[in-house]
Amino acid sequence: MSKSTKRTTPFQRKHALGFGLEIVEFEEKGNMLVVTGVRCLFCVYHGRHVELTSRKCKPTDNIHIFKAPSIKQHYLSHLKQHAETWEEYKELSVDGKKVYFNGKVKRANTMHMYIDTNQDAIHFTIPLPIVDVIIKELFYRDEDQILAGIDEIEEEDEEDHHMNMERIRKKVEKKIALKRNAMKLFKLDEDNEMYTVDIPNSTRFFLAIDYVGCGMSFRETAAAIRHAKDRLKMKKLGGINDHNVGQ
């Protein structure tokens, strides 16, 4: 095929469904309307992932418009930026492809347009007394005190047998594990006599604070953030559970 023929290859209507495309530009030629531009619906609903210098992928809100020539290889080359969703889409039946984008929220209408979900790490420095006194001793009881409380209950239990010691022990062990898990967040900087805390995901962090501040439990907060991730199409909010919230 000559270069001149390639440059005038017209858009094939079957490619719209086959590659997830939408016609957006026409040109009048004689008595006919000729398609001159189609956009990628994966860009519209999922955003694109481009390679950064560090070889990490960054989502972008630019929507790719295909111009002439309309060649299958051009579409396939671009769809590498939508590898996961494209793999899912191409395995669908014709009827499945027709409804694939139905009900999906356009990326432009999600929080991606207003929140930088790639560069949102935050760093805290905290004086020693705040962690050692307020958090360790006041917010979380000392482990020795908790265990001493069990010993007292066991002595009473020997007399009246009205308390389920196994249940109490499990509850206490859970509290101790919760404290140890939370304290992992604080890294001691002995040179500066400070603790440091690194939060790699500030969006998820502030959501957790907001939800817990409204009276939600750690488990409820984790569930709410997972729902937000699914509803807003924000993968950055993934990987949350009640233990993460507890930290």
C-alpha atoms as a PDB file:
ATOM      1  CA  MET A   1       0.000   0.000   0.000  1.00  0.00           C
ATOM      2  CA  SER A   2       1.425   3.404  -0.978  1.00  0.00           C
ATOM      3  CA  LYS A   3       1.903   6.275   1.473  1.00  0.00           C
ATOM      4  CA  SER A   4      -0.733   8.359  -0.319  1.00  0.00           C
ATOM      5  CA  THR A   5      -3.256   5.555   0.085  1.00  0.00           C
ATOM      6  CA  LYS A   6      -2.482   5.205   3.805  1.00  0.00           C
ATOM      7  CA  ARG A   7      -3.005   8.916   4.437  1.00  0.00           C
ATOM      8  CA  THR A   8      -6.538   8.757   3.006  1.00  0.00           C
ATOM      9  CA  THR A   9      -7.663   5.543   4.695  1.00  0.00           C
ATOM     10  CA  PRO A  10     -11.263   6.318   5.775  1.00  0.00           C
ATOM     11  CA  PHE A  11     -12.654   5.527   9.188  1.00  0.00           C
ATOM     12  CA  GLN A  12     -14.362   2.148   9.354  1.00  0.00           C
ATOM     13  CA  ARG A  13     -17.561   2.233  11.398  1.00  0.00           C
ATOM     14  CA  LYS A  14     -16.957  -1.240  12.823  1.00  0.00           C
ATOM     15  CA  HIS A  15     -13.822   0.094  14.542  1.00  0.00           C
ATOM     16  CA  ALA A  16     -15.978   2.268  16.829  1.00  0.00           C
ATOM     17  CA  LEU A  17     -17.305  -0.773  18.645  1.00  0.00           C
ATOM     18  CA  GLY A  18     -14.219  -2.896  18.077  1.00  0.00           C
ATOM     19  CA  PHE A  19     -11.780  -0.470  19.735  1.00  0.00           C
ATOM     20  CA  GLY A  20     -14.015   1.630  22.001  1.00  0.00           C
ATOM     21  CA  LEU A  21     -14.126   4.781  19.861  1.00  0.00           C
ATOM     22  CA  GLU A  22     -16.589   7.652  19.477  1.00  0.00           C
ATOM     23  CA  ILE A  23     -16.961   9.820  16.398  1.00  0.00           C
ATOM     24  CA  VAL A  24     -16.453  13.499  17.289  1.00  0.00           C
ATOM     25  CA  GLU A  25     -15.427  15.270  14.048  1.00  0.00           C
ATOM     26  CA  PHE A  26     -16.893  15.340  10.545  1.00  0.00           C
ATOM     27  CA  GLU A  27     -16.002  17.034   7.303  1.00  0.00           C
ATOM     28  CA  GLU A  28     -18.391  17.712   4.455  1.00  0.00           C
ATOM     29  CA  LYS A  29     -17.167  16.417   1.104  1.00  0.00           C
ATOM     30  CA  GLY A  30     -19.666  16.891  -1.650  1.00  0.00           C
ATOM     31  CA  ASN A  31     -22.930  15.382  -0.506  1.00  0.00           C
ATOM     32  CA  MET A  32     -21.246  13.227   2.120  1.00  0.00           C
ATOM     33  CA  LEU A  33     -20.093  13.653   5.720  1.00  0.00           C
ATOM     34  CA  VAL A  34     -16.674  12.096   6.192  1.00  0.00           C
ATOM     35  CA  VAL A  35     -15.385  11.152   9.648  1.00  0.00           C
ATOM     36  CA  THR A  36     -12.191  13.095  10.390  1.00  0.00           C
ATOM     37  CA  GLY A  37     -11.757  12.472  14.113  1.00  0.00           C
ATOM     38  CA  VAL A  38     -12.654   9.836  16.696  1.00  0.00           C
ATOM     39  CA  ARG A  39     -11.869   9.863  20.399  1.00  0.00           C
ATOM     40  CA  CYS A  40     -10.876   7.026  22.696  1.00  0.00           C
ATOM     41  CA  LEU A  41     -13.625   6.200  25.173  1.00  0.00           C
ATOM     42  CA  PHE A  42     -11.104   4.560  27.508  1.00  0.00           C
ATOM     43  CA  CYS A  43      -9.467   7.993  27.852  1.00  0.00           C
ATOM     44  CA  VAL A  44     -12.869   9.572  28.491  1.00  0.00           C
ATOM     45  CA  TYR A  45     -13.855   7.211  31.292  1.00  0.00           C
ATOM     46  CA  HIS A  46     -10.595   5.872  32.700  1.00  0.00           C
ATOM     47  CA  GLY A  47      -7.896   8.397  31.844  1.00  0.00           C
ATOM     48  CA  ARG A  48      -4.564   7.581  30.225  1.00  0.00           C
ATOM     49  CA  HIS A  49      -1.353   6.303  31.806  1.00  0.00           C
ATOM     50  CA  VAL A  50       1.830   7.787  30.396  1.00  0.00           C
ATOM     51  CA  GLU A  51       5.389   6.787  31.170  1.00  0.00           C
ATOM     52  CA  LEU A  52       7.390   9.052  33.472  1.00  0.00           C
ATOM     53  CA  THR A  53      11.187   9.292  33.509  1.00  0.00           C
ATOM     54  CA  SER A  54      11.205   7.095  36.623  1.00  0.00           C
ATOM     55  CA  ARG A  55       9.338   4.451  34.569  1.00  0.00           C
ATOM     56  CA  LYS A  56       6.254   4.847  36.701  1.00  0.00           C
ATOM     57  CA  CYS A  57       2.871   5.410  35.082  1.00  0.00           C
ATOM     58  CA  LYS A  58       1.015   8.647  35.723  1.00  0.00           C
ATOM     59  CA  PRO A  59      -2.639   9.146  34.802  1.00  0.00           C
ATOM     60  CA  THR A  60      -3.490  12.123  32.611  1.00  0.00           C
ATOM     61  CA  ASP A  61      -6.791  13.697  31.640  1.00  0.00           C
ATOM     62  CA  ASN A  62      -5.859  14.321  28.005  1.00  0.00           C
ATOM     63  CA  ILE A  63      -8.246  12.512  25.667  1.00  0.00           C
ATOM     64  CA  HIS A  64      -6.637  11.033  22.579  1.00  0.00           C
ATOM     65  CA  ILE A  65      -8.205  12.012  19.242  1.00  0.00           C
ATOM     66  CA  PHE A  66      -7.402   9.832  16.241  1.00  0.00           C
ATOM     67  CA  LYS A  67      -7.077  11.595  12.895  1.00  0.00           C
ATOM     68  CA  ALA A  68      -6.644  10.135   9.426  1.00  0.00           C
ATOM     69  CA  PRO A  69      -5.361   7.716   8.416  1.00  0.00           C
ATOM     70  CA  SER A  70      -7.663   5.362  10.325  1.00  0.00           C
ATOM     71  CA  ILE A  71      -5.403   2.371  10.751  1.00  0.00           C
ATOM     72  CA  LYS A  72      -5.949  -0.516  13.165  1.00  0.00           C
ATOM     73  CA  GLN A  73      -2.304  -0.429  14.287  1.00  0.00           C
ATOM     74  CA  HIS A  74      -2.727   3.164  15.516  1.00  0.00           C
ATOM     75  CA  TYR A  75      -5.558   2.138  17.808  1.00  0.00           C
ATOM     76  CA  LEU A  76      -3.712  -0.897  19.163  1.00  0.00           C
ATOM     77  CA  SER A  77      -0.586   1.157  19.849  1.00  0.00           C
ATOM     78  CA  HIS A  78      -2.581   3.694  21.862  1.00  0.00           C
ATOM     79  CA  LEU A  79      -4.555   1.055  23.763  1.00  0.00           C
ATOM     80  CA  LYS A  80      -1.338  -0.093  25.455  1.00  0.00           C
ATOM     81  CA  GLN A  81      -1.989   2.879  27.760  1.00  0.00           C
ATOM     82  CA  HIS A  82      -5.251   1.180  28.770  1.00  0.00           C
ATOM     83  CA  ALA A  83      -3.839  -2.336  29.033  1.00  0.00           C
ATOM     84  CA  GLU A  84      -6.048  -3.583  31.896  1.00  0.00           C
ATOM     85  CA  THR A  85      -9.389  -2.238  30.667  1.00  0.00           C
ATOM     86  CA  TRP A  86      -8.600  -3.029  27.036  1.00  0.00           C
ATOM     87  CA  GLU A  87      -7.883  -6.666  27.883  1.00  0.00           C
ATOM     88  CA  GLU A  88     -11.259  -6.837  29.608  1.00  0.00           C
ATOM     89  CA  TYR A  89     -13.096  -5.061  26.793  1.00  0.00           C
ATOM     90  CA  LYS A  90     -11.736  -7.025  23.855  1.00  0.00           C
ATOM     91  CA  GLU A  91     -12.897 -10.323  25.370  1.00  0.00           C
ATOM     92  CA  LEU A  92     -16.519  -9.154  25.506  1.00  0.00           C
ATOM     93  CA  SER A  93     -19.230 -10.159  23.080  1.00  0.00           C
ATOM     94  CA  VAL A  94     -20.668  -7.620  20.652  1.00  0.00           C
ATOM     95  CA  ASP A  95     -23.609  -7.019  22.994  1.00  0.00           C
ATOM     96  CA  GLY A  96     -21.235  -6.675  25.946  1.00  0.00           C
ATOM     97  CA  LYS A  97     -19.179  -4.037  24.153  1.00  0.00           C
ATOM     98  CA  LYS A  98     -22.315  -2.058  23.282  1.00  0.00           C
ATOM     99  CA  VAL A  99     -23.130  -1.520  26.962  1.00  0.00           C
ATOM    100  CA  TYR A 100     -19.586  -1.515  28.419  1.00  0.00           C
ATOM    101  CA  PHE A 101     -19.399   2.253  28.906  1.00  0.00           C
ATOM    102  CA  ASN A 102     -23.052   2.650  29.945  1.00  0.00           C
ATOM    103  CA  GLY A 103     -23.370   4.052  33.445  1.00  0.00           C
ATOM    104  CA  LYS A 104     -19.667   4.802  33.780  1.00  0.00           C
ATOM    105  CA  VAL A 105     -18.635   8.218  35.131  1.00  0.00           C
ATOM    106  CA  LYS A 106     -16.431  10.317  32.884  1.00  0.00           C
ATOM    107  CA  ARG A 107     -13.033  10.947  34.403  1.00  0.00           C
ATOM    108  CA  ALA A 108     -13.593  14.694  34.010  1.00  0.00           C
ATOM    109  CA  ASN A 109     -16.519  14.400  36.452  1.00  0.00           C
ATOM    110  CA  THR A 110     -14.528  12.669  39.203  1.00  0.00           C
ATOM    111  CA  MET A 111     -12.181  13.942  41.920  1.00  0.00           C
ATOM    112  CA  HIS A 112      -9.187  13.161  39.669  1.00  0.00           C
ATOM    113  CA  MET A 113      -9.636  16.614  38.154  1.00  0.00           C
ATOM    114  CA  TYR A 114      -9.135  18.340  41.498  1.00  0.00           C
ATOM    115  CA  ILE A 115      -6.836  16.115  43.576  1.00  0.00           C
ATOM    116  CA  ASP A 116      -3.270  15.133  42.769  1.00  0.00           C
ATOM    117  CA  THR A 117      -3.415  11.454  43.649  1.00  0.00           C
ATOM    118  CA  ASN A 118       0.213  10.803  42.687  1.00  0.00           C
ATOM    119  CA  GLN A 119       2.098  13.403  44.729  1.00  0.00           C
ATOM    120  CA  ASP A 120       0.162  13.480  47.976  1.00  0.00           C
ATOM    121  CA  ALA A 121       2.601  12.158  50.598  1.00  0.00           C
ATOM    122  CA  ILE A 122       2.903  14.203  53.806  1.00  0.00           C
ATOM    123  CA  HIS A 123       5.541  14.229  56.538  1.00  0.00           C
ATOM    124  CA  PHE A 124       5.090  15.050  60.239  1.00  0.00           C
ATOM    125  CA  THR A 125       7.639  15.722  62.980  1.00  0.00           C
ATOM    126  CA  ILE A 126       6.326  15.280  66.529  1.00  0.00           C
ATOM    127  CA  PRO A 127       8.015  16.177  69.868  1.00  0.00           C
ATOM    128  CA  LEU A 128       8.885  13.201  72.076  1.00  0.00           C
ATOM    129  CA  PRO A 129       6.487  14.020  74.987  1.00  0.00           C
ATOM    130  CA  ILE A 130       3.456  14.023  72.695  1.00  0.00           C
ATOM    131  CA  VAL A 131       4.110  10.444  71.642  1.00  0.00           C
ATOM    132  CA  ASP A 132       5.675   9.055  74.817  1.00  0.00           C
ATOM    133  CA  VAL A 133       3.237  10.620  77.295  1.00  0.00           C
ATOM    134  CA  ILE A 134       0.006  11.574  75.556  1.00  0.00           C
ATOM    135  CA  ILE A 135      -0.261   8.787  72.994  1.00  0.00           C
ATOM    136  CA  LYS A 136       1.532   5.878  74.687  1.00  0.00           C
ATOM    137  CA  GLU A 137       0.359   6.478  78.261  1.00  0.00           C
ATOM    138  CA  LEU A 138      -2.936   8.355  78.003  1.00  0.00           C
ATOM    139  CA  PHE A 139      -4.482   7.375  74.687  1.00  0.00           C
ATOM    140  CA  TYR A 140      -3.273   3.779  74.934  1.00  0.00           C
ATOM    141  CA  ARG A 141      -2.985   2.159  78.364  1.00  0.00           C
ATOM    142  CA  ASP A 142       0.339   0.631  79.326  1.00  0.00           C
ATOM    143  CA  GLU A 143       0.489  -3.084  78.487  1.00  0.00           C
ATOM    144  CA  ASP A 144       1.574  -4.012  82.022  1.00  0.00           C
ATOM    145  CA  GLN A 145      -1.487  -2.251  83.441  1.00  0.00           C
ATOM    146  CA  ILE A 146      -3.767  -4.096  81.047  1.00  0.00           C
ATOM    147  CA  LEU A 147      -2.274  -7.465  81.942  1.00  0.00           C
ATOM    148  CA  ALA A 148      -2.417  -6.618  85.648  1.00  0.00           C
ATOM    149  CA  GLY A 149      -6.136  -5.975  85.219  1.00  0.00           C
ATOM    150  CA  ILE A 150      -6.576  -9.498  83.854  1.00  0.00           C
ATOM    151  CA  ASP A 151      -4.836 -11.004  86.879  1.00  0.00           C
ATOM    152  CA  GLU A 152      -7.270  -9.180  89.178  1.00  0.00           C
ATOM    153  CA  ILE A 153     -10.253 -10.467  87.214  1.00  0.00           C
ATOM    154  CA  GLU A 154      -8.874 -14.014  87.279  1.00  0.00           C
ATOM    155  CA  GLU A 155      -8.680 -13.879  91.078  1.00  0.00           C
ATOM    156  CA  GLU A 156     -12.298 -12.782  91.275  1.00  0.00           C
ATOM    157  CA  ASP A 157     -13.282 -15.353  88.692  1.00  0.00           C
ATOM    158  CA  GLU A 158     -11.974 -18.181  90.820  1.00  0.00           C
ATOM    159  CA  GLU A 159     -14.589 -17.234  93.381  1.00  0.00           C
ATOM    160  CA  ASP A 160     -17.725 -16.582  91.341  1.00  0.00           C
ATOM    161  CA  HIS A 161     -17.042 -18.100  87.855  1.00  0.00           C
ATOM    162  CA  HIS A 162     -19.366 -15.551  86.299  1.00  0.00           C
ATOM    163  CA  MET A 163     -16.867 -14.146  83.791  1.00  0.00           C
ATOM    164  CA  ASN A 164     -15.664 -15.640  80.552  1.00  0.00           C
ATOM    165  CA  MET A 165     -11.891 -15.309  80.898  1.00  0.00           C
ATOM    166  CA  GLU A 166     -11.128 -16.594  77.420  1.00  0.00           C
ATOM    167  CA  ARG A 167     -13.282 -13.881  75.901  1.00  0.00           C
ATOM    168  CA  ILE A 168     -11.660 -11.218  78.065  1.00  0.00           C
ATOM    169  CA  ARG A 169      -8.163 -12.405  77.203  1.00  0.00           C
ATOM    170  CA  LYS A 170      -8.873 -12.203  73.459  1.00  0.00           C
ATOM    171  CA  LYS A 171     -10.222  -8.695  73.866  1.00  0.00           C
ATOM    172  CA  VAL A 172      -7.129  -7.609  75.799  1.00  0.00           C
ATOM    173  CA  GLU A 173      -4.786  -9.214  73.257  1.00  0.00           C
ATOM    174  CA  LYS A 174      -6.589  -7.327  70.517  1.00  0.00           C
ATOM    175  CA  LYS A 175      -6.089  -4.029  72.376  1.00  0.00           C
ATOM    176  CA  ILE A 176      -2.379  -4.723  72.845  1.00  0.00           C
ATOM    177  CA  ALA A 177      -1.987  -5.650  69.160  1.00  0.00           C
ATOM    178  CA  LEU A 178      -3.866  -2.485  68.180  1.00  0.00           C
ATOM    179  CA  LYS A 179      -1.478  -0.343  70.210  1.00  0.00           C
ATOM    180  CA  ARG A 180       1.623  -2.015  68.785  1.00  0.00           C
ATOM    181  CA  ASN A 181       0.268  -1.632  65.265  1.00  0.00           C
ATOM    182  CA  ALA A 182      -0.469   2.062  65.812  1.00  0.00           C
ATOM    183  CA  MET A 183       2.958   2.766  67.308  1.00  0.00           C
ATOM    184  CA  LYS A 184       4.687   1.395  64.196  1.00  0.00           C
ATOM    185  CA  LEU A 185       3.691   4.645  62.545  1.00  0.00           C
ATOM    186  CA  PHE A 186       6.107   6.657  64.709  1.00  0.00           C
ATOM    187  CA  LYS A 187       9.813   6.517  63.820  1.00  0.00           C
ATOM    188  CA  LEU A 188      12.226   7.764  66.478  1.00  0.00           C
ATOM    189  CA  ASP A 189      14.752  10.378  65.337  1.00  0.00           C
ATOM    190  CA  GLU A 190      17.218  10.294  68.225  1.00  0.00           C
ATOM    191  CA  ASP A 191      19.524  12.970  66.781  1.00  0.00           C
ATOM    192  CA  ASN A 192      16.762  15.589  66.760  1.00  0.00           C
ATOM    193  CA  GLU A 193      14.806  14.134  69.708  1.00  0.00           C
ATOM    194  CA  MET A 194      11.678  13.878  67.610  1.00  0.00           C
ATOM    195  CA  TYR A 195       9.369  11.283  66.181  1.00  0.00           C
ATOM    196  CA  THR A 196       8.653  11.338  62.447  1.00  0.00           C
ATOM    197  CA  VAL A 197       5.561  10.083  60.648  1.00  0.00           C
ATOM    198  CA  ASP A 198       5.318   9.580  56.892  1.00  0.00           C
ATOM    199  CA  ILE A 199       1.862   9.340  55.328  1.00  0.00           C
ATOM    200  CA  PRO A 200       2.210   8.071  51.738  1.00  0.00           C
ATOM    201  CA  ASN A 201      -1.454   8.658  50.905  1.00  0.00           C
ATOM    202  CA  SER A 202      -2.833  11.910  52.297  1.00  0.00           C
ATOM    203  CA  THR A 203      -6.188  11.651  50.509  1.00  0.00           C
ATOM    204  CA  ARG A 204      -6.994   8.358  52.211  1.00  0.00           C
ATOM    205  CA  PHE A 205      -5.530   9.650  55.502  1.00  0.00           C
ATOM    206  CA  PHE A 206      -7.761  12.745  55.663  1.00  0.00           C
ATOM    207  CA  LEU A 207     -10.836  10.753  54.646  1.00  0.00           C
ATOM    208  CA  ALA A 208     -10.167   8.351  57.518  1.00  0.00           C
ATOM    209  CA  ILE A 209      -9.856  11.263  59.961  1.00  0.00           C
ATOM    210  CA  ASP A 210     -13.116  12.784  58.701  1.00  0.00           C
ATOM    211  CA  TYR A 211     -15.055   9.521  58.982  1.00  0.00           C
ATOM    212  CA  VAL A 212     -13.727   8.590  62.423  1.00  0.00           C
ATOM    213  CA  GLY A 213     -14.419  12.172  63.538  1.00  0.00           C
ATOM    214  CA  CYS A 214     -18.062  11.656  62.575  1.00  0.00           C
ATOM    215  CA  GLY A 215     -18.280   8.744  64.992  1.00  0.00           C
ATOM    216  CA  MET A 216     -17.685   5.863  62.586  1.00  0.00           C
ATOM    217  CA  SER A 217     -15.776   2.821  63.828  1.00  0.00           C
ATOM    218  CA  PHE A 218     -12.484   1.770  62.228  1.00  0.00           C
ATOM    219  CA  ARG A 219     -14.271  -1.028  60.377  1.00  0.00           C
ATOM    220  CA  GLU A 220     -17.033   1.294  59.128  1.00  0.00           C
ATOM    221  CA  THR A 221     -14.436   3.860  58.054  1.00  0.00           C
ATOM    222  CA  ALA A 222     -12.485   1.276  56.038  1.00  0.00           C
ATOM    223  CA  ALA A 223     -15.704   0.124  54.341  1.00  0.00           C
ATOM    224  CA  ALA A 224     -16.719   3.712  53.519  1.00  0.00           C
ATOM    225  CA  ILE A 225     -13.325   4.456  51.926  1.00  0.00           C
ATOM    226  CA  ARG A 226     -13.556   1.291  49.842  1.00  0.00           C
ATOM    227  CA  HIS A 227     -16.984   2.398  48.604  1.00  0.00           C
ATOM    228  CA  ALA A 228     -15.536   5.840  47.764  1.00  0.00           C
ATOM    229  CA  LYS A 229     -12.729   4.163  45.794  1.00  0.00           C
ATOM    230  CA  ASP A 230     -15.210   2.152  43.722  1.00  0.00           C
ATOM    231  CA  ARG A 231     -17.627   5.046  43.197  1.00  0.00           C
ATOM    232  CA  LEU A 232     -14.990   7.649  42.276  1.00  0.00           C
ATOM    233  CA  LYS A 233     -12.724   5.277  40.333  1.00  0.00           C
ATOM    234  CA  MET A 234      -9.757   6.195  42.567  1.00  0.00           C
ATOM    235  CA  LYS A 235      -7.376   3.247  42.884  1.00  0.00           C
ATOM    236  CA  LYS A 236      -5.276   5.372  45.243  1.00  0.00           C
ATOM    237  CA  LEU A 237      -7.879   4.781  47.957  1.00  0.00           C
ATOM    238  CA  GLY A 238      -7.424   1.006  47.794  1.00  0.00           C
ATOM    239  CA  GLY A 239      -5.657  -1.247  50.287  1.00  0.00           C
ATOM    240  CA  ILE A 240      -7.520   0.009  53.373  1.00  0.00           C
ATOM    241  CA  ASN A 241      -8.697  -2.037  56.347  1.00  0.00           C
ATOM    242  CA  ASP A 242      -9.608  -1.410  59.987  1.00  0.00           C
ATOM    243  CA  HIS A 243      -5.974  -1.942  61.069  1.00  0.00           C
ATOM    244  CA  ASN A 244      -4.761   0.791  58.680  1.00  0.00           C
ATOM    245  CA  VAL A 245      -7.413   3.135  60.024  1.00  0.00           C
ATOM    246  CA  GLY A 246      -6.362   2.328  63.585  1.00  0.00           C
ATOM    247  CA  GLN A 247      -2.878   3.580  62.847  1.00  0.00           C
END
